[in-house]
Protein backbone atom coordinates (compact mmCIF):
# COMPACT_ATOMS: atom_id res chain seq x y z
CA MET A 1 -6.14 -10.01 -13.51
CA PRO A 2 -9.53 -8.83 -12.22
CA ASP A 3 -12.50 -10.89 -13.31
CA ASN A 4 -14.89 -8.02 -14.05
CA GLN A 5 -14.35 -4.61 -15.57
CA ASN A 6 -17.98 -3.56 -15.95
CA SER A 7 -17.85 -4.57 -19.63
CA LYS A 8 -15.25 -1.87 -20.33
CA ARG A 9 -12.17 -2.60 -22.41
CA LEU A 10 -9.01 -2.46 -20.35
CA PRO A 11 -6.53 0.26 -21.27
CA ARG A 12 -3.31 -0.84 -22.91
CA ALA A 13 -1.39 -0.25 -19.66
CA PHE A 14 -2.95 -3.40 -18.19
CA ARG A 15 -2.14 -5.67 -21.14
CA GLN A 16 1.20 -6.88 -19.85
CA SER A 17 3.26 -9.73 -21.21
CA LEU A 18 3.59 -12.80 -19.01
CA VAL A 19 7.16 -13.02 -17.73
CA ARG A 20 8.79 -16.21 -16.48
CA ASN A 21 12.36 -16.16 -15.21
CA PRO A 22 14.50 -17.56 -12.37
CA ALA A 23 13.71 -14.58 -10.09
CA GLN A 24 9.99 -15.20 -10.36
CA ALA A 25 10.48 -18.91 -9.66
CA LEU A 26 12.55 -18.04 -6.57
CA VAL A 27 9.88 -15.67 -5.21
CA ASN A 28 7.15 -18.27 -5.67
CA ARG A 29 9.25 -20.99 -4.05
CA VAL A 30 10.27 -18.88 -1.06
CA LEU A 31 6.70 -17.72 -0.45
CA SER A 32 5.43 -21.28 -0.60
CA GLU A 33 8.13 -22.72 1.63
CA SER A 34 7.75 -19.88 4.14
CA ARG A 35 3.94 -20.09 4.20
CA LEU A 36 3.59 -16.38 3.58
CA GLU A 37 0.80 -14.32 2.02
CA THR A 38 1.33 -11.40 -0.35
CA VAL A 39 -1.03 -8.56 -1.14
CA CYS A 40 0.09 -9.09 -4.74
CA ARG A 41 -1.95 -12.29 -4.88
CA GLU A 42 -4.69 -11.57 -2.34
CA ALA A 43 -5.61 -8.19 -3.87
CA ARG A 44 -5.08 -9.46 -7.46
CA CYS A 45 -2.58 -6.71 -8.22
CA PRO A 46 -2.08 -6.19 -11.98
CA ASN A 47 1.69 -5.81 -11.40
CA ARG A 48 2.30 -9.05 -9.52
CA ASN A 49 3.90 -10.83 -12.47
CA GLN A 50 6.23 -7.89 -13.07
CA CYS A 51 7.18 -7.60 -9.39
CA PHE A 52 7.75 -11.34 -8.88
CA ALA A 53 9.88 -11.36 -12.04
CA SER A 54 12.01 -8.59 -10.55
CA GLY A 55 12.51 -10.66 -7.41
CA THR A 56 10.27 -8.77 -4.99
CA ALA A 57 6.81 -8.90 -3.39
CA THR A 58 4.70 -7.02 -0.84
CA PHE A 59 4.18 -9.18 2.22
CA LEU A 60 0.72 -9.50 3.80
CA ILE A 61 0.76 -10.35 7.51
CA MET A 62 -1.92 -11.38 10.02
CA GLY A 63 -3.76 -13.73 7.67
CA GLY A 64 -5.68 -13.45 4.43
CA SER A 65 -9.06 -12.39 5.84
CA CYS A 66 -10.12 -8.87 6.82
CA THR A 67 -12.58 -7.70 9.47
CA ARG A 68 -13.92 -4.94 7.21
CA GLY A 69 -16.03 -5.01 4.07
CA CYS A 70 -14.58 -2.36 1.77
CA ARG A 71 -16.36 -2.63 -1.56
CA PHE A 72 -13.27 -2.22 -3.74
CA CYS A 73 -11.00 -4.85 -2.22
CA ALA A 74 -10.45 -8.46 -3.32
CA VAL A 75 -8.97 -9.59 0.02
CA GLY A 76 -11.16 -12.13 1.83
CA LYS A 77 -13.67 -10.96 4.46
CA GLY A 78 -14.44 -12.50 7.86
CA GLY A 79 -13.21 -15.74 9.38
CA VAL A 80 -10.02 -14.26 10.81
CA MET A 81 -7.54 -16.57 12.51
CA PRO A 82 -5.38 -16.08 15.63
CA LEU A 83 -2.05 -14.40 14.96
CA ASP A 84 0.81 -16.72 14.02
CA PRO A 85 3.73 -15.97 16.38
CA GLY A 86 6.16 -17.62 13.95
CA GLU A 87 5.20 -15.39 11.03
CA PRO A 88 7.62 -12.50 11.75
CA GLN A 89 10.64 -14.82 11.78
CA ARG A 90 9.55 -16.71 8.66
CA LEU A 91 9.07 -13.41 6.85
CA ALA A 92 12.49 -12.17 7.96
CA GLN A 93 14.15 -15.34 6.70
CA ALA A 94 12.26 -15.12 3.39
CA VAL A 95 13.51 -11.56 2.88
CA LYS A 96 17.04 -12.83 3.53
CA LYS A 97 16.65 -15.61 0.95
CA LEU A 98 15.38 -13.11 -1.60
CA GLY A 99 18.20 -10.69 -0.84
CA LEU A 100 15.89 -7.70 -0.52
CA LYS A 101 17.25 -4.31 0.52
CA TYR A 102 13.78 -2.81 1.00
CA ALA A 103 10.83 -4.72 2.43
CA VAL A 104 7.21 -3.59 2.21
CA ILE A 105 4.90 -5.12 4.82
CA THR A 106 1.15 -4.63 4.88
CA SER A 107 -1.74 -6.40 6.60
CA VAL A 108 -5.42 -7.07 6.55
CA THR A 109 -7.44 -4.89 8.94
CA ARG A 110 -7.78 -6.67 12.30
CA ASP A 111 -10.35 -4.74 14.34
CA ASP A 112 -10.81 -7.91 16.41
CA LEU A 113 -7.38 -7.42 18.03
CA GLU A 114 -6.98 -5.12 21.01
CA ASP A 115 -4.11 -3.24 19.36
CA GLY A 116 -5.34 -3.70 15.79
CA GLY A 117 -2.19 -5.67 15.03
CA ALA A 118 0.32 -2.91 15.80
CA GLY A 119 2.32 -5.25 18.01
CA HIS A 120 2.59 -7.82 15.22
CA PHE A 121 3.89 -5.13 12.87
CA ALA A 122 6.50 -4.25 15.50
CA GLU A 123 7.58 -7.88 15.95
CA THR A 124 7.84 -8.31 12.18
CA VAL A 125 10.06 -5.26 11.71
CA LYS A 126 12.25 -6.31 14.66
CA ALA A 127 12.69 -9.78 13.16
CA LEU A 128 13.49 -8.27 9.76
CA ARG A 129 16.25 -6.14 11.26
CA ARG A 130 17.74 -9.03 13.25
CA GLU A 131 17.98 -11.26 10.20
CA ASN A 132 18.77 -8.54 7.66
CA PRO A 133 21.12 -5.86 9.05
CA GLY A 134 20.67 -2.62 7.13
CA ILE A 135 17.25 -3.56 5.75
CA LEU A 136 14.96 -0.65 4.88
CA THR A 137 11.29 -1.07 5.77
CA GLU A 138 7.97 0.35 4.67
CA ILE A 139 4.81 -0.50 6.59
CA LEU A 140 1.36 -0.08 5.04
CA THR A 141 -1.09 -0.17 7.92
CA SER A 142 -4.79 -0.01 8.65
CA ASP A 143 -6.10 2.89 10.72
CA PHE A 144 -5.97 0.61 13.82
CA ASP A 145 -9.60 1.65 14.44
CA GLY A 146 -8.35 5.06 15.58
CA ARG A 147 -6.39 3.77 18.58
CA GLU A 148 -3.66 6.33 19.18
CA SER A 149 -1.78 3.86 21.38
CA SER A 150 -1.50 1.59 18.33
CA TRP A 151 -0.42 4.51 16.13
CA ARG A 152 2.33 5.18 18.65
CA GLN A 153 3.38 1.53 18.76
CA ALA A 154 3.66 1.35 14.98
CA ALA A 155 5.51 4.66 14.73
CA GLU A 156 7.98 3.72 17.47
CA ILE A 157 9.46 0.91 15.36
CA ARG A 158 10.74 3.70 13.08
CA PRO A 159 10.08 2.29 9.59
CA GLU A 160 11.74 4.27 6.82
CA VAL A 161 8.27 4.86 5.34
CA PHE A 162 4.91 4.83 7.16
CA ASN A 163 2.12 4.27 4.63
CA HIS A 164 -1.63 4.47 5.13
CA ASN A 165 -3.97 4.74 2.15
CA LEU A 166 -6.83 7.22 2.05
CA GLU A 167 -8.03 5.29 -1.04
CA THR A 168 -10.70 7.75 -2.24
CA VAL A 169 -12.35 11.13 -1.73
CA PRO A 170 -14.47 11.89 1.37
CA ARG A 171 -17.77 11.97 -0.57
CA LEU A 172 -17.32 8.32 -1.63
CA TYR A 173 -16.30 6.89 1.75
CA PRO A 174 -19.83 5.63 2.65
CA PHE A 175 -19.91 3.60 -0.57
CA VAL A 176 -16.26 2.58 -0.89
CA ARG A 177 -14.97 2.36 2.72
CA PRO A 178 -18.10 2.27 4.92
CA GLN A 179 -16.19 1.27 8.09
CA ALA A 180 -13.45 3.86 7.64
CA VAL A 181 -13.39 7.58 8.48
CA TYR A 182 -11.63 10.05 6.19
CA ARG A 183 -10.52 12.40 8.97
CA ARG A 184 -9.28 9.51 11.09
CA SER A 185 -7.10 8.22 8.26
CA LEU A 186 -5.79 11.71 7.60
CA ASP A 187 -5.00 12.11 11.29
CA LEU A 188 -2.97 8.89 11.26
CA ILE A 189 -0.85 10.19 8.37
CA GLY A 190 -0.34 13.43 10.27
CA TYR A 191 0.68 11.48 13.37
CA ALA A 192 3.33 9.58 11.41
CA ALA A 193 4.65 12.81 9.89
CA ARG A 194 4.88 14.51 13.29
CA ALA A 195 6.79 11.48 14.54
CA GLY A 196 9.47 12.30 11.96
CA LEU A 197 8.67 9.45 9.59
CA ALA A 198 8.34 9.67 5.80
CA ALA A 199 4.53 9.58 5.55
CA LYS A 200 2.97 8.06 2.45
CA SER A 201 -0.56 7.47 1.16
CA GLY A 202 -2.39 6.13 -1.86
CA LEU A 203 -5.51 6.92 -3.88
CA MET A 204 -7.61 5.09 -6.46
CA VAL A 205 -9.29 6.86 -9.34
CA GLY A 206 -12.17 5.74 -11.52
CA LEU A 207 -14.75 5.30 -8.76
CA GLY A 208 -16.79 8.36 -9.66
CA GLU A 209 -14.66 11.08 -8.09
CA GLU A 210 -14.05 14.46 -9.70
CA ALA A 211 -10.53 15.73 -10.43
CA ALA A 212 -11.15 18.71 -8.14
CA GLU A 213 -11.94 16.31 -5.29
CA ILE A 214 -8.69 14.43 -5.85
CA LYS A 215 -6.78 17.71 -5.77
CA GLN A 216 -8.43 18.65 -2.48
CA VAL A 217 -7.45 15.30 -0.94
CA MET A 218 -3.90 15.87 -2.16
CA ALA A 219 -3.91 19.28 -0.50
CA ASP A 220 -5.22 17.72 2.73
CA LEU A 221 -2.42 15.15 2.61
CA ARG A 222 0.23 17.79 2.01
CA GLN A 223 -1.05 19.81 4.95
CA ALA A 224 -0.95 16.67 7.14
CA GLY A 225 2.72 16.16 6.27
CA CYS A 226 2.48 13.42 3.64
CA ARG A 227 5.60 13.20 1.46
CA ILE A 228 4.82 10.39 -1.00
CA LEU A 229 1.55 9.71 -2.84
CA THR A 230 0.60 6.92 -5.23
CA ILE A 231 -2.39 7.25 -7.55
CA GLY A 232 -3.68 4.44 -9.75
CA GLN A 233 -6.72 3.19 -11.64
CA TYR A 234 -9.36 1.23 -9.74
CA LEU A 235 -10.15 -2.17 -11.23
CA SER A 236 -13.23 -4.09 -10.11
CA PRO A 237 -12.21 -7.54 -8.77
CA SER A 238 -15.61 -9.18 -9.43
CA GLN A 239 -19.31 -8.63 -10.04
CA GLU A 240 -19.73 -8.36 -6.26
CA HIS A 241 -17.51 -5.29 -6.05
CA LEU A 242 -18.05 -1.69 -7.14
CA PRO A 243 -17.94 -1.23 -10.92
CA VAL A 244 -15.44 1.02 -12.66
CA ALA A 245 -17.02 4.41 -13.29
CA ARG A 246 -14.41 5.37 -15.87
CA PHE A 247 -10.77 4.90 -16.86
CA TRP A 248 -8.53 7.92 -16.42
CA GLU A 249 -6.46 9.09 -19.38
CA GLU A 250 -2.65 9.11 -19.28
CA SER A 251 -2.67 12.90 -19.56
CA GLU A 252 -4.76 13.16 -16.39
CA TYR A 253 -2.17 11.22 -14.39
CA GLN A 254 0.57 13.51 -15.64
CA GLU A 255 -1.48 16.57 -14.75
CA ILE A 256 -2.15 15.32 -11.22
CA LYS A 257 1.51 14.39 -10.73
CA THR A 258 2.59 17.89 -11.79
CA TYR A 259 -0.01 19.44 -9.51
CA GLY A 260 1.13 17.40 -6.53
CA GLU A 261 4.85 17.92 -6.95
CA GLN A 262 5.11 21.40 -8.44
CA ILE A 263 2.09 23.17 -6.96
CA LEU A 264 1.59 21.44 -3.60
CA GLY A 265 5.21 20.50 -2.98
CA LEU A 266 4.83 16.76 -2.32
CA ASP A 267 8.23 15.07 -2.56
CA ALA A 268 6.99 12.36 -4.94
CA VAL A 269 3.72 11.57 -6.73
CA VAL A 270 3.75 8.23 -8.51
CA ALA A 271 0.72 8.24 -10.81
CA GLY A 272 -0.41 5.98 -13.62
CA PRO A 273 -3.02 3.37 -14.54
CA ALA A 274 -1.21 0.36 -13.06
CA VAL A 275 0.28 2.18 -10.04
CA ARG A 276 -0.43 0.58 -6.67
CA SER A 277 0.69 1.42 -3.11
CA SER A 278 4.00 -0.43 -3.24
CA TYR A 279 4.74 0.18 -6.93
CA LEU A 280 8.40 1.23 -7.29
CA ALA A 281 8.46 1.70 -3.51
CA TYR A 282 12.23 1.35 -3.10
CA GLN A 283 13.03 3.60 -6.04
CA THR A 284 10.61 6.23 -4.76
CA TYR A 285 12.14 6.13 -1.29
CA GLN A 286 15.59 6.57 -2.82
CA SER A 287 14.37 9.57 -4.82
CA ILE A 288 13.00 11.42 -1.80
CA THR A 289 16.09 10.56 0.24
CA ASN A 290 18.31 12.06 -2.45
CA PHE A 291 16.01 15.08 -2.61
CA LYS A 292 16.32 15.60 1.12
CA GLN A 293 20.10 15.24 1.04
CA GLU A 294 20.43 17.77 -1.80
CA ALA A 295 18.10 20.22 -0.05
CA THR A 296 20.15 20.13 3.16
CA ALA A 297 23.61 20.02 1.57
């Protein structure tokens, strides 16, 4: 749970019961034995107990330190290590031990690498498919510093879902994501959509944005070809990070979900206080797949 919430009382949605069961023990053991990182732990996700207890996790590749200094993120900064060539195979074997049907793989941003880590994503997905025939994959990538050759390399591995988070509205980028570029991130999502992949993105709320700004970003995403969008409450990881400007009400999430799905025509908007990028990822993928099948029947 985040250490600092700007002296604001957490909404009830974040007061979750601690769950301990055999599935959670298995996830912890496999992660430890396989020497793997998860964004669940590194980013202090409020759902990590729930996800581990359901037998799943979101894998974080390429180390636990990032080359960027986004002011919302709990992942470590600086001090990056060389890529571990054995990581893709260890991850693939861990997925096999956990019996996952759908694997979500993300990474720290590695601007120090010539390809931004696109090749490591490709090797990881290839290893997953060798060890786990029929596995479905979702990759959550950085913007690869705008390198279109890296976008192509990541898209060519044909994940079922290609995810890249816009995170916030353009006006707040200089404060929230100073090394990122809104249009560049939007262009990456459009590239994935044009490649025929199910494009996905995610937004945080509670950083000082206006509802109208969120709706405009949603419209931009829809125009780019995004099919899935997650929207959740920002929580400040520590006193060193941006404070929470406000907590959104449950009714606001429902309104934004309705706007995205019924007005804009996004296939799925998963919105709520505790929603994060990989929250209910497999179930959401199944829902848009069924939608597509029904629409073309």
